[in-house]
Amino acid sequence: MGRSRWRQTFIGFAIGFGVGAALGVLFAPQSGEEMRDYLAEGAKDAVDGAMATGRKFTRRAKRAVDDVAEHVTDAAEVVEQAYTQAKGA
């Protein structure tokens, strides 16, 4: 590529970059600070949602463990009664 071709390419790139940056500033929905606040709020909401989901699953798991423990206790009582009856026979 000749020297003038590089110059034309660079000038075209610079103009395109400038136009793109200007349009981005003009059509940006929020300022940088507002966008950071929006993203921080979104992240906080996501963490809060994850925490709530975690608490819900923890409650479900605790209920399931309590149910299993109750079934095991009931089964142990039945086995103990059967053993006592078999021993006495």
Protein backbone atom coordinates (compact mmCIF):
# COMPACT_ATOMS: atom_id res chain seq x y z
CA MET A 1 0.00 0.00 0.00
CA GLY A 2 1.28 3.43 -0.86
CA ARG A 3 1.75 6.21 1.60
CA SER A 4 -1.33 8.13 0.45
CA ARG A 5 -3.45 4.97 0.75
CA TRP A 6 -2.46 4.59 4.44
CA ARG A 7 -3.29 8.24 5.01
CA GLN A 8 -6.74 7.83 3.42
CA THR A 9 -7.39 4.68 5.46
CA PHE A 10 -6.34 6.40 8.69
CA ILE A 11 -8.44 9.48 7.96
CA GLY A 12 -11.46 7.29 7.16
CA PHE A 13 -10.95 5.34 10.39
CA ALA A 14 -10.59 8.53 12.45
CA ILE A 15 -13.73 10.05 10.91
CA GLY A 16 -15.70 6.84 11.48
CA PHE A 17 -14.47 6.63 15.06
CA GLY A 18 -15.39 10.25 15.72
CA VAL A 19 -18.85 9.89 14.20
CA GLY A 20 -19.45 6.67 16.16
CA ALA A 21 -18.35 8.25 19.43
CA ALA A 22 -20.50 11.34 18.82
CA LEU A 23 -23.56 9.21 18.01
CA GLY A 24 -22.91 7.06 21.07
CA VAL A 25 -22.86 10.13 23.32
CA LEU A 26 -25.93 11.64 21.68
CA PHE A 27 -28.03 8.49 21.82
CA ALA A 28 -26.78 7.03 25.09
CA PRO A 29 -29.79 6.30 27.29
CA GLN A 30 -27.99 7.17 30.52
CA SER A 31 -24.88 8.87 31.79
CA GLY A 32 -21.95 6.81 33.00
CA GLU A 33 -22.86 7.33 36.65
CA GLU A 34 -26.50 6.41 36.01
CA MET A 35 -25.39 3.30 34.11
CA ARG A 36 -23.10 2.25 36.96
CA ASP A 37 -25.94 2.75 39.44
CA TYR A 38 -28.26 0.74 37.19
CA LEU A 39 -25.74 -2.09 36.89
CA ALA A 40 -25.05 -2.05 40.64
CA GLU A 41 -28.78 -2.19 41.38
CA GLY A 42 -29.20 -5.05 38.91
CA ALA A 43 -26.34 -6.95 40.53
CA LYS A 44 -27.83 -6.34 43.99
CA ASP A 45 -31.22 -7.61 42.79
CA ALA A 46 -29.57 -10.71 41.32
CA VAL A 47 -27.73 -11.42 44.59
CA ASP A 48 -30.92 -10.87 46.60
CA GLY A 49 -32.79 -13.24 44.30
CA ALA A 50 -30.06 -15.87 44.63
CA MET A 51 -30.13 -15.51 48.42
CA ALA A 52 -33.92 -15.90 48.50
CA THR A 53 -33.70 -18.99 46.29
CA GLY A 54 -30.98 -20.39 48.54
CA ARG A 55 -33.13 -19.83 51.64
CA LYS A 56 -36.08 -21.52 49.92
CA PHE A 57 -34.01 -24.58 49.01
CA THR A 58 -32.54 -24.66 52.53
CA ARG A 59 -36.05 -24.75 54.02
CA ARG A 60 -37.07 -27.53 51.60
CA ALA A 61 -33.94 -29.53 52.41
CA LYS A 62 -34.52 -29.13 56.16
CA ARG A 63 -38.11 -30.32 55.76
CA ALA A 64 -36.93 -33.31 53.73
CA VAL A 65 -34.29 -34.18 56.34
CA ASP A 66 -36.88 -33.85 59.12
CA ASP A 67 -39.27 -36.15 57.21
CA VAL A 68 -36.54 -38.74 56.64
CA ALA A 69 -35.51 -38.57 60.30
CA GLU A 70 -39.14 -39.13 61.32
CA HIS A 71 -39.42 -42.15 58.99
CA VAL A 72 -36.16 -43.59 60.32
CA THR A 73 -37.36 -43.13 63.91
CA ASP A 74 -40.66 -44.84 63.07
CA ALA A 75 -38.82 -47.70 61.33
CA ALA A 76 -36.47 -48.08 64.30
CA GLU A 77 -39.45 -48.34 66.64
CA VAL A 78 -41.05 -51.02 64.44
CA VAL A 79 -37.79 -52.97 64.31
CA GLU A 80 -37.39 -52.67 68.08
CA GLN A 81 -40.94 -53.93 68.66
CA ALA A 82 -40.39 -56.84 66.27
CA TYR A 83 -37.12 -57.72 68.02
CA THR A 84 -38.79 -57.57 71.43
CA GLN A 85 -41.62 -59.82 70.24
CA ALA A 86 -39.21 -62.26 68.62
CA LYS A 87 -37.04 -62.37 71.72
CA GLY A 88 -40.04 -63.03 73.98
CA ALA A 89 -41.40 -65.82 71.81
